[in-house]
Amino acid sequence: MYIGKTLFAQVMDFLPWKTFHRILDRYGGDHRMRSLSCAEQFRVMAFAQLTYRESLRDIEVCLAAQASKLYHMGIGASPFDGEGAPGKQADRKFRNRG
């Protein structure tokens, strides 16, 4: 089995990343960045576009299914804080009002 760059990572290598980072520096794209850099967000949105994802939940589920390959895809660690939105909602404690 070949362990190396995925096809998505190879496609991303064709993009002019030096120009991308120069534009980010010029306009302060990563200023006050908390968890997801502009380059990672671009990669996630490109992945969603190339795989015909239709919603944010669909993107999240697809990326969670590929969690072990995210680093090799060039996305890095999980773009979500631990669990996704469904997991965070399940952990909330709701009170009955009545």
PDB file of N, CA and C in Angstrom:
ATOM      1  N   MET A   1       0.835  -1.168   0.000  1.00  0.00           N
ATOM      2  CA  MET A   1       0.000   0.000   0.000  1.00  0.00           C
ATOM      3  C   MET A   1       0.888   1.242   0.000  1.00  0.00           C
ATOM      4  N   TYR A   2       0.571   2.183  -0.858  1.00  0.00           N
ATOM      5  CA  TYR A   2       1.336   3.424  -0.952  1.00  0.00           C
ATOM      6  C   TYR A   2       0.924   4.365   0.166  1.00  0.00           C
ATOM      7  N   ILE A   3       1.880   4.785   0.964  1.00  0.00           N
ATOM      8  CA  ILE A   3       1.599   5.729   2.040  1.00  0.00           C
ATOM      9  C   ILE A   3       2.319   7.017   1.673  1.00  0.00           C
ATOM     10  N   GLY A   4       1.579   7.979   1.260  1.00  0.00           N
ATOM     11  CA  GLY A   4       2.163   9.250   0.857  1.00  0.00           C
ATOM     12  C   GLY A   4       1.074  10.274   0.700  1.00  0.00           C
ATOM     13  N   LYS A   5       1.273  11.194  -0.214  1.00  0.00           N
ATOM     14  CA  LYS A   5       0.295  12.251  -0.428  1.00  0.00           C
ATOM     15  C   LYS A   5      -0.943  11.700  -1.116  1.00  0.00           C
ATOM     16  N   THR A   6      -2.074  12.181  -0.675  1.00  0.00           N
ATOM     17  CA  THR A   6      -3.324  11.791  -1.330  1.00  0.00           C
ATOM     18  C   THR A   6      -3.472  12.593  -2.622  1.00  0.00           C
ATOM     19  N   LEU A   7      -4.423  12.205  -3.430  1.00  0.00           N
ATOM     20  CA  LEU A   7      -4.676  12.916  -4.679  1.00  0.00           C
ATOM     21  C   LEU A   7      -5.057  14.366  -4.403  1.00  0.00           C
ATOM     22  N   PHE A   8      -5.846  14.587  -3.353  1.00  0.00           N
ATOM     23  CA  PHE A   8      -6.237  15.953  -2.997  1.00  0.00           C
ATOM     24  C   PHE A   8      -5.011  16.799  -2.658  1.00  0.00           C
ATOM     25  N   ALA A   9      -4.088  16.254  -1.894  1.00  0.00           N
ATOM     26  CA  ALA A   9      -2.868  16.986  -1.526  1.00  0.00           C
ATOM     27  C   ALA A   9      -2.029  17.281  -2.762  1.00  0.00           C
ATOM     28  N   GLN A  10      -1.999  16.373  -3.709  1.00  0.00           N
ATOM     29  CA  GLN A  10      -1.257  16.611  -4.945  1.00  0.00           C
ATOM     30  C   GLN A  10      -1.897  17.718  -5.763  1.00  0.00           C
ATOM     31  N   VAL A  11      -3.225  17.771  -5.782  1.00  0.00           N
ATOM     32  CA  VAL A  11      -3.919  18.854  -6.490  1.00  0.00           C
ATOM     33  C   VAL A  11      -3.648  20.186  -5.801  1.00  0.00           C
ATOM     34  N   MET A  12      -3.646  20.205  -4.473  1.00  0.00           N
ATOM     35  CA  MET A  12      -3.394  21.434  -3.727  1.00  0.00           C
ATOM     36  C   MET A  12      -1.975  21.953  -3.936  1.00  0.00           C
ATOM     37  N   ASP A  13      -1.039  21.073  -4.277  1.00  0.00           N
ATOM     38  CA  ASP A  13       0.335  21.501  -4.525  1.00  0.00           C
ATOM     39  C   ASP A  13       0.456  22.373  -5.774  1.00  0.00           C
ATOM     40  N   PHE A  14      -0.527  22.306  -6.668  1.00  0.00           N
ATOM     41  CA  PHE A  14      -0.476  23.104  -7.888  1.00  0.00           C
ATOM     42  C   PHE A  14      -0.876  24.555  -7.661  1.00  0.00           C
ATOM     43  N   LEU A  15      -1.470  24.850  -6.514  1.00  0.00           N
ATOM     44  CA  LEU A  15      -1.893  26.212  -6.243  1.00  0.00           C
ATOM     45  C   LEU A  15      -0.701  27.078  -5.853  1.00  0.00           C
ATOM     46  N   PRO A  16      -0.733  28.362  -6.198  1.00  0.00           N
ATOM     47  CA  PRO A  16       0.383  29.259  -5.856  1.00  0.00           C
ATOM     48  C   PRO A  16       0.323  29.689  -4.389  1.00  0.00           C
ATOM     49  N   TRP A  17       0.840  28.851  -3.505  1.00  0.00           N
ATOM     50  CA  TRP A  17       0.734  29.110  -2.069  1.00  0.00           C
ATOM     51  C   TRP A  17       1.546  30.320  -1.627  1.00  0.00           C
ATOM     52  N   LYS A  18       2.653  30.612  -2.306  1.00  0.00           N
ATOM     53  CA  LYS A  18       3.423  31.810  -1.940  1.00  0.00           C
ATOM     54  C   LYS A  18       2.600  33.064  -2.185  1.00  0.00           C
ATOM     55  N   THR A  19       1.894  33.097  -3.295  1.00  0.00           N
ATOM     56  CA  THR A  19       1.015  34.231  -3.596  1.00  0.00           C
ATOM     57  C   THR A  19      -0.133  34.291  -2.591  1.00  0.00           C
ATOM     58  N   PHE A  20      -0.702  33.141  -2.258  1.00  0.00           N
ATOM     59  CA  PHE A  20      -1.789  33.067  -1.299  1.00  0.00           C
ATOM     60  C   PHE A  20      -1.359  33.644   0.045  1.00  0.00           C
ATOM     61  N   HIS A  21      -0.193  33.241   0.537  1.00  0.00           N
ATOM     62  CA  HIS A  21       0.300  33.724   1.827  1.00  0.00           C
ATOM     63  C   HIS A  21       0.708  35.194   1.759  1.00  0.00           C
ATOM     64  N   ARG A  22       1.197  35.651   0.608  1.00  0.00           N
ATOM     65  CA  ARG A  22       1.533  37.060   0.457  1.00  0.00           C
ATOM     66  C   ARG A  22       0.272  37.924   0.558  1.00  0.00           C
ATOM     67  N   ILE A  23      -0.828  37.463  -0.057  1.00  0.00           N
ATOM     68  CA  ILE A  23      -2.095  38.194   0.020  1.00  0.00           C
ATOM     69  C   ILE A  23      -2.631  38.171   1.456  1.00  0.00           C
ATOM     70  N   LEU A  24      -2.495  37.015   2.140  1.00  0.00           N
ATOM     71  CA  LEU A  24      -2.917  36.941   3.541  1.00  0.00           C
ATOM     72  C   LEU A  24      -2.152  37.940   4.399  1.00  0.00           C
ATOM     73  N   ASP A  25      -0.846  38.037   4.176  1.00  0.00           N
ATOM     74  CA  ASP A  25      -0.033  38.972   4.947  1.00  0.00           C
ATOM     75  C   ASP A  25      -0.412  40.416   4.642  1.00  0.00           C
ATOM     76  N   ARG A  26      -0.674  40.705   3.381  1.00  0.00           N
ATOM     77  CA  ARG A  26      -1.003  42.061   2.982  1.00  0.00           C
ATOM     78  C   ARG A  26      -2.313  42.530   3.622  1.00  0.00           C
ATOM     79  N   TYR A  27      -3.315  41.682   3.633  1.00  0.00           N
ATOM     80  CA  TYR A  27      -4.631  42.076   4.122  1.00  0.00           C
ATOM     81  C   TYR A  27      -4.953  41.564   5.528  1.00  0.00           C
ATOM     82  N   GLY A  28      -3.987  40.938   6.189  1.00  0.00           N
ATOM     83  CA  GLY A  28      -4.197  40.486   7.571  1.00  0.00           C
ATOM     84  C   GLY A  28      -5.232  39.390   7.686  1.00  0.00           C
ATOM     85  N   GLY A  29      -5.184  38.429   6.794  1.00  0.00           N
ATOM     86  CA  GLY A  29      -6.183  37.362   6.780  1.00  0.00           C
ATOM     87  C   GLY A  29      -6.162  36.475   8.007  1.00  0.00           C
ATOM     88  N   ASP A  30      -5.003  36.241   8.572  1.00  0.00           N
ATOM     89  CA  ASP A  30      -4.901  35.372   9.748  1.00  0.00           C
ATOM     90  C   ASP A  30      -4.780  36.167  11.044  1.00  0.00           C
ATOM     91  N   HIS A  31      -5.091  37.450  10.996  1.00  0.00           N
ATOM     92  CA  HIS A  31      -5.031  38.273  12.206  1.00  0.00           C
ATOM     93  C   HIS A  31      -6.115  37.828  13.178  1.00  0.00           C
ATOM     94  N   ARG A  32      -5.739  37.623  14.410  1.00  0.00           N
ATOM     95  CA  ARG A  32      -6.636  37.140  15.465  1.00  0.00           C
ATOM     96  C   ARG A  32      -7.274  35.794  15.126  1.00  0.00           C
ATOM     97  N   MET A  33      -6.534  34.963  14.455  1.00  0.00           N
ATOM     98  CA  MET A  33      -7.009  33.625  14.118  1.00  0.00           C
ATOM     99  C   MET A  33      -7.072  32.794  15.389  1.00  0.00           C
ATOM    100  N   ARG A  34      -8.149  32.045  15.558  1.00  0.00           N
ATOM    101  CA  ARG A  34      -8.285  31.233  16.766  1.00  0.00           C
ATOM    102  C   ARG A  34      -7.920  29.784  16.521  1.00  0.00           C
ATOM    103  N   SER A  35      -8.562  29.148  15.574  1.00  0.00           N
ATOM    104  CA  SER A  35      -8.294  27.718  15.414  1.00  0.00           C
ATOM    105  C   SER A  35      -8.078  27.286  13.971  1.00  0.00           C
ATOM    106  N   LEU A  36      -8.716  27.928  13.027  1.00  0.00           N
ATOM    107  CA  LEU A  36      -8.652  27.476  11.641  1.00  0.00           C
ATOM    108  C   LEU A  36      -8.039  28.582  10.795  1.00  0.00           C
ATOM    109  N   SER A  37      -6.835  28.336  10.274  1.00  0.00           N
ATOM    110  CA  SER A  37      -6.175  29.360   9.469  1.00  0.00           C
ATOM    111  C   SER A  37      -6.878  29.495   8.128  1.00  0.00           C
ATOM    112  N   CYS A  38      -6.590  30.584   7.441  1.00  0.00           N
ATOM    113  CA  CYS A  38      -7.209  30.814   6.135  1.00  0.00           C
ATOM    114  C   CYS A  38      -6.813  29.732   5.136  1.00  0.00           C
ATOM    115  N   ALA A  39      -5.573  29.271   5.198  1.00  0.00           N
ATOM    116  CA  ALA A  39      -5.129  28.223   4.273  1.00  0.00           C
ATOM    117  C   ALA A  39      -5.873  26.917   4.549  1.00  0.00           C
ATOM    118  N   GLU A  40      -6.058  26.574   5.830  1.00  0.00           N
ATOM    119  CA  GLU A  40      -6.805  25.352   6.158  1.00  0.00           C
ATOM    120  C   GLU A  40      -8.257  25.482   5.759  1.00  0.00           C
ATOM    121  N   GLN A  41      -8.848  26.666   5.968  1.00  0.00           N
ATOM    122  CA  GLN A  41     -10.232  26.873   5.574  1.00  0.00           C
ATOM    123  C   GLN A  41     -10.372  26.773   4.059  1.00  0.00           C
ATOM    124  N   PHE A  42      -9.408  27.323   3.315  1.00  0.00           N
ATOM    125  CA  PHE A  42      -9.435  27.205   1.861  1.00  0.00           C
ATOM    126  C   PHE A  42      -9.367  25.746   1.436  1.00  0.00           C
ATOM    127  N   ARG A  43      -8.480  24.980   2.089  1.00  0.00           N
ATOM    128  CA  ARG A  43      -8.362  23.560   1.748  1.00  0.00           C
ATOM    129  C   ARG A  43      -9.661  22.808   2.040  1.00  0.00           C
ATOM    130  N   VAL A  44     -10.298  23.117   3.166  1.00  0.00           N
ATOM    131  CA  VAL A  44     -11.556  22.458   3.513  1.00  0.00           C
ATOM    132  C   VAL A  44     -12.637  22.813   2.496  1.00  0.00           C
ATOM    133  N   MET A  45     -12.724  24.087   2.115  1.00  0.00           N
ATOM    134  CA  MET A  45     -13.738  24.499   1.141  1.00  0.00           C
ATOM    135  C   MET A  45     -13.447  23.922  -0.246  1.00  0.00           C
ATOM    136  N   ALA A  46     -12.166  23.812  -0.612  1.00  0.00           N
ATOM    137  CA  ALA A  46     -11.821  23.181  -1.886  1.00  0.00           C
ATOM    138  C   ALA A  46     -12.184  21.704  -1.866  1.00  0.00           C
ATOM    139  N   PHE A  47     -11.934  21.035  -0.736  1.00  0.00           N
ATOM    140  CA  PHE A  47     -12.322  19.631  -0.591  1.00  0.00           C
ATOM    141  C   PHE A  47     -13.829  19.482  -0.731  1.00  0.00           C
ATOM    142  N   ALA A  48     -14.574  20.387  -0.099  1.00  0.00           N
ATOM    143  CA  ALA A  48     -16.039  20.334  -0.181  1.00  0.00           C
ATOM    144  C   ALA A  48     -16.510  20.549  -1.610  1.00  0.00           C
ATOM    145  N   GLN A  49     -15.881  21.468  -2.310  1.00  0.00           N
ATOM    146  CA  GLN A  49     -16.264  21.741  -3.695  1.00  0.00           C
ATOM    147  C   GLN A  49     -15.951  20.555  -4.597  1.00  0.00           C
ATOM    148  N   LEU A  50     -14.782  19.965  -4.421  1.00  0.00           N
ATOM    149  CA  LEU A  50     -14.376  18.846  -5.280  1.00  0.00           C
ATOM    150  C   LEU A  50     -15.156  17.565  -5.005  1.00  0.00           C
ATOM    151  N   THR A  51     -15.685  17.437  -3.796  1.00  0.00           N
ATOM    152  CA  THR A  51     -16.437  16.224  -3.447  1.00  0.00           C
ATOM    153  C   THR A  51     -17.948  16.460  -3.442  1.00  0.00           C
ATOM    154  N   TYR A  52     -18.375  17.620  -3.970  1.00  0.00           N
ATOM    155  CA  TYR A  52     -19.804  17.944  -4.127  1.00  0.00           C
ATOM    156  C   TYR A  52     -20.565  17.900  -2.807  1.00  0.00           C
ATOM    157  N   ARG A  53     -19.993  18.457  -1.750  1.00  0.00           N
ATOM    158  CA  ARG A  53     -20.702  18.536  -0.471  1.00  0.00           C
ATOM    159  C   ARG A  53     -21.718  19.662  -0.551  1.00  0.00           C
ATOM    160  N   GLU A  54     -22.867  19.474   0.100  1.00  0.00           N
ATOM    161  CA  GLU A  54     -23.955  20.436  -0.035  1.00  0.00           C
ATOM    162  C   GLU A  54     -24.221  21.259   1.216  1.00  0.00           C
ATOM    163  N   SER A  55     -23.714  20.857   2.359  1.00  0.00           N
ATOM    164  CA  SER A  55     -23.983  21.604   3.589  1.00  0.00           C
ATOM    165  C   SER A  55     -22.779  21.504   4.520  1.00  0.00           C
ATOM    166  N   LEU A  56     -22.768  22.363   5.527  1.00  0.00           N
ATOM    167  CA  LEU A  56     -21.673  22.328   6.493  1.00  0.00           C
ATOM    168  C   LEU A  56     -21.644  21.013   7.256  1.00  0.00           C
ATOM    169  N   ARG A  57     -22.823  20.503   7.579  1.00  0.00           N
ATOM    170  CA  ARG A  57     -22.878  19.214   8.276  1.00  0.00           C
ATOM    171  C   ARG A  57     -22.334  18.104   7.374  1.00  0.00           C
ATOM    172  N   ASP A  58     -22.637  18.169   6.101  1.00  0.00           N
ATOM    173  CA  ASP A  58     -22.137  17.182   5.147  1.00  0.00           C
ATOM    174  C   ASP A  58     -20.611  17.249   5.054  1.00  0.00           C
ATOM    175  N   ILE A  59     -20.072  18.468   5.050  1.00  0.00           N
ATOM    176  CA  ILE A  59     -18.613  18.642   5.028  1.00  0.00           C
ATOM    177  C   ILE A  59     -18.005  18.062   6.299  1.00  0.00           C
ATOM    178  N   GLU A  60     -18.615  18.368   7.439  1.00  0.00           N
ATOM    179  CA  GLU A  60     -18.105  17.895   8.731  1.00  0.00           C
ATOM    180  C   GLU A  60     -18.112  16.373   8.804  1.00  0.00           C
ATOM    181  N   VAL A  61     -19.196  15.752   8.368  1.00  0.00           N
ATOM    182  CA  VAL A  61     -19.305  14.291   8.408  1.00  0.00           C
ATOM    183  C   VAL A  61     -18.267  13.658   7.485  1.00  0.00           C
ATOM    184  N   CYS A  62     -18.101  14.241   6.311  1.00  0.00           N
ATOM    185  CA  CYS A  62     -17.130  13.689   5.352  1.00  0.00           C
ATOM    186  C   CYS A  62     -15.702  13.816   5.881  1.00  0.00           C
ATOM    187  N   LEU A  63     -15.369  14.958   6.474  1.00  0.00           N
ATOM    188  CA  LEU A  63     -14.028  15.132   7.035  1.00  0.00           C
ATOM    189  C   LEU A  63     -13.810  14.237   8.252  1.00  0.00           C
ATOM    190  N   ALA A  64     -14.850  14.042   9.052  1.00  0.00           N
ATOM    191  CA  ALA A  64     -14.727  13.152  10.211  1.00  0.00           C
ATOM    192  C   ALA A  64     -14.493  11.717   9.762  1.00  0.00           C
ATOM    193  N   ALA A  65     -15.080  11.330   8.629  1.00  0.00           N
ATOM    194  CA  ALA A  65     -14.870   9.986   8.109  1.00  0.00           C
ATOM    195  C   ALA A  65     -13.435   9.811   7.607  1.00  0.00           C
ATOM    196  N   GLN A  66     -12.797  10.913   7.216  1.00  0.00           N
ATOM    197  CA  GLN A  66     -11.422  10.874   6.722  1.00  0.00           C
ATOM    198  C   GLN A  66     -10.430  11.379   7.768  1.00  0.00           C
ATOM    199  N   ALA A  67     -10.782  11.304   9.039  1.00  0.00           N
ATOM    200  CA  ALA A  67      -9.979  11.912  10.107  1.00  0.00           C
ATOM    201  C   ALA A  67      -8.537  11.429  10.118  1.00  0.00           C
ATOM    202  N   SER A  68      -8.312  10.169   9.815  1.00  0.00           N
ATOM    203  CA  SER A  68      -6.940   9.658   9.853  1.00  0.00           C
ATOM    204  C   SER A  68      -6.114  10.141   8.662  1.00  0.00           C
ATOM    205  N   LYS A  69      -6.767  10.677   7.640  1.00  0.00           N
ATOM    206  CA  LYS A  69      -6.059  11.109   6.433  1.00  0.00           C
ATOM    207  C   LYS A  69      -5.947  12.618   6.305  1.00  0.00           C
ATOM    208  N   LEU A  70      -6.478  13.372   7.266  1.00  0.00           N
ATOM    209  CA  LEU A  70      -6.489  14.825   7.146  1.00  0.00           C
ATOM    210  C   LEU A  70      -5.086  15.401   7.034  1.00  0.00           C
ATOM    211  N   TYR A  71      -4.162  14.891   7.808  1.00  0.00           N
ATOM    212  CA  TYR A  71      -2.792  15.395   7.759  1.00  0.00           C
ATOM    213  C   TYR A  71      -2.182  15.151   6.379  1.00  0.00           C
ATOM    214  N   HIS A  72      -2.429  13.984   5.809  1.00  0.00           N
ATOM    215  CA  HIS A  72      -1.876  13.649   4.504  1.00  0.00           C
ATOM    216  C   HIS A  72      -2.567  14.416   3.382  1.00  0.00           C
ATOM    217  N   MET A  73      -3.765  14.920   3.656  1.00  0.00           N
ATOM    218  CA  MET A  73      -4.471  15.730   2.676  1.00  0.00           C
ATOM    219  C   MET A  73      -4.009  17.178   2.709  1.00  0.00           C
ATOM    220  N   GLY A  74      -3.190  17.527   3.697  1.00  0.00           N
ATOM    221  CA  GLY A  74      -2.691  18.883   3.815  1.00  0.00           C
ATOM    222  C   GLY A  74      -3.569  19.773   4.664  1.00  0.00           C
ATOM    223  N   ILE A  75      -4.598  19.208   5.286  1.00  0.00           N
ATOM    224  CA  ILE A  75      -5.505  19.999   6.109  1.00  0.00           C
ATOM    225  C   ILE A  75      -4.965  20.134   7.522  1.00  0.00           C
ATOM    226  N   GLY A  76      -4.164  19.214   7.964  1.00  0.00           N
ATOM    227  CA  GLY A  76      -3.608  19.272   9.309  1.00  0.00           C
ATOM    228  C   GLY A  76      -4.489  18.518  10.276  1.00  0.00           C
ATOM    229  N   ALA A  77      -4.529  18.982  11.497  1.00  0.00           N
ATOM    230  CA  ALA A  77      -5.379  18.338  12.490  1.00  0.00           C
ATOM    231  C   ALA A  77      -6.838  18.610  12.153  1.00  0.00           C
ATOM    232  N   SER A  78      -7.703  18.027  12.913  1.00  0.00           N
ATOM    233  CA  SER A  78      -9.130  18.205  12.665  1.00  0.00           C
ATOM    234  C   SER A  78      -9.496  19.682  12.734  1.00  0.00           C
ATOM    235  N   PRO A  79     -10.185  20.197  11.722  1.00  0.00           N
ATOM    236  CA  PRO A  79     -10.558  21.600  11.744  1.00  0.00           C
ATOM    237  C   PRO A  79     -11.648  21.920  12.756  1.00  0.00           C
ATOM    238  N   PHE A  80     -12.188  20.906  13.395  1.00  0.00           N
ATOM    239  CA  PHE A  80     -13.234  21.097  14.383  1.00  0.00           C
ATOM    240  C   PHE A  80     -12.644  20.858  15.758  1.00  0.00           C
ATOM    241  N   ASP A  81     -13.178  21.508  16.755  1.00  0.00           N
ATOM    242  CA  ASP A  81     -12.688  21.358  18.126  1.00  0.00           C
ATOM    243  C   ASP A  81     -13.149  20.025  18.694  1.00  0.00           C
ATOM    244  N   GLY A  82     -12.333  19.017  18.584  1.00  0.00           N
ATOM    245  CA  GLY A  82     -12.702  17.701  19.119  1.00  0.00           C
ATOM    246  C   GLY A  82     -13.848  17.112  18.336  1.00  0.00           C
ATOM    247  N   GLU A  83     -15.020  17.154  18.901  1.00  0.00           N
ATOM    248  CA  GLU A  83     -16.183  16.623  18.222  1.00  0.00           C
ATOM    249  C   GLU A  83     -16.832  17.714  17.391  1.00  0.00           C
ATOM    250  N   GLY A  84     -17.659  17.305  16.480  1.00  0.00           N
ATOM    251  CA  GLY A  84     -18.380  18.261  15.664  1.00  0.00           C
ATOM    252  C   GLY A  84     -19.611  18.779  16.370  1.00  0.00           C
ATOM    253  N   ALA A  85     -20.413  19.501  15.646  1.00  0.00           N
ATOM    254  CA  ALA A  85     -21.611  20.112  16.211  1.00  0.00           C
ATOM    255  C   ALA A  85     -22.578  19.089  16.807  1.00  0.00           C
ATOM    256  N   PRO A  86     -22.825  17.932  16.172  1.00  0.00           N
ATOM    257  CA  PRO A  86     -23.744  16.980  16.783  1.00  0.00           C
ATOM    258  C   PRO A  86     -23.255  16.475  18.138  1.00  0.00           C
ATOM    259  N   GLY A  87     -21.968  16.242  18.267  1.00  0.00           N
ATOM    260  CA  GLY A  87     -21.424  15.765  19.537  1.00  0.00           C
ATOM    261  C   GLY A  87     -21.518  16.824  20.621  1.00  0.00           C
ATOM    262  N   LYS A  88     -21.304  18.086  20.262  1.00  0.00           N
ATOM    263  CA  LYS A  88     -21.388  19.161  21.239  1.00  0.00           C
ATOM    264  C   LYS A  88     -22.817  19.346  21.711  1.00  0.00           C
ATOM    265  N   GLN A  89     -23.765  19.202  20.807  1.00  0.00           N
ATOM    266  CA  GLN A  89     -25.157  19.352  21.214  1.00  0.00           C
ATOM    267  C   GLN A  89     -25.591  18.200  22.101  1.00  0.00           C
ATOM    268  N   ALA A  90     -25.063  17.015  21.874  1.00  0.00           N
ATOM    269  CA  ALA A  90     -25.439  15.864  22.691  1.00  0.00           C
ATOM    270  C   ALA A  90     -24.901  16.003  24.114  1.00  0.00           C
ATOM    271  N   ASP A  91     -23.774  16.708  24.275  1.00  0.00           N
ATOM    272  CA  ASP A  91     -23.184  16.874  25.596  1.00  0.00           C
ATOM    273  C   ASP A  91     -23.866  17.946  26.434  1.00  0.00           C
ATOM    274  N   ARG A  92     -24.672  18.793  25.812  1.00  0.00           N
ATOM    275  CA  ARG A  92     -25.353  19.846  26.564  1.00  0.00           C
ATOM    276  C   ARG A  92     -26.428  19.245  27.459  1.00  0.00           C
ATOM    277  N   LYS A  93     -26.610  19.880  28.573  1.00  0.00           N
ATOM    278  CA  LYS A  93     -27.655  19.441  29.489  1.00  0.00           C
ATOM    279  C   LYS A  93     -28.837  20.393  29.351  1.00  0.00           C
ATOM    280  N   PHE A  94     -29.949  19.855  28.971  1.00  0.00           N
ATOM    281  CA  PHE A  94     -31.145  20.660  28.800  1.00  0.00           C
ATOM    282  C   PHE A  94     -32.043  20.512  30.016  1.00  0.00           C
ATOM    283  N   ARG A  95     -32.711  21.579  30.361  1.00  0.00           N
ATOM    284  CA  ARG A  95     -33.643  21.554  31.467  1.00  0.00           C
ATOM    285  C   ARG A  95     -35.062  21.625  30.918  1.00  0.00           C
ATOM    286  N   ASN A  96     -35.951  20.889  31.544  1.00  0.00           N
ATOM    287  CA  ASN A  96     -37.357  21.014  31.202  1.00  0.00           C
ATOM    288  C   ASN A  96     -37.905  22.256  31.853  1.00  0.00           C
ATOM    289  N   ARG A  97     -38.553  23.051  31.077  1.00  0.00           N
ATOM    290  CA  ARG A  97     -39.187  24.250  31.624  1.00  0.00           C
ATOM    291  C   ARG A  97     -40.670  23.995  31.678  1.00  0.00           C
ATOM    292  N   GLY A  98     -41.219  24.122  32.809  1.00  0.00           N
ATOM    293  CA  GLY A  98     -42.636  23.890  32.822  1.00  0.00           C
ATOM    294  C   GLY A  98     -43.285  24.005  34.149  1.00  0.00           C
TER     295      GLY A  98
END
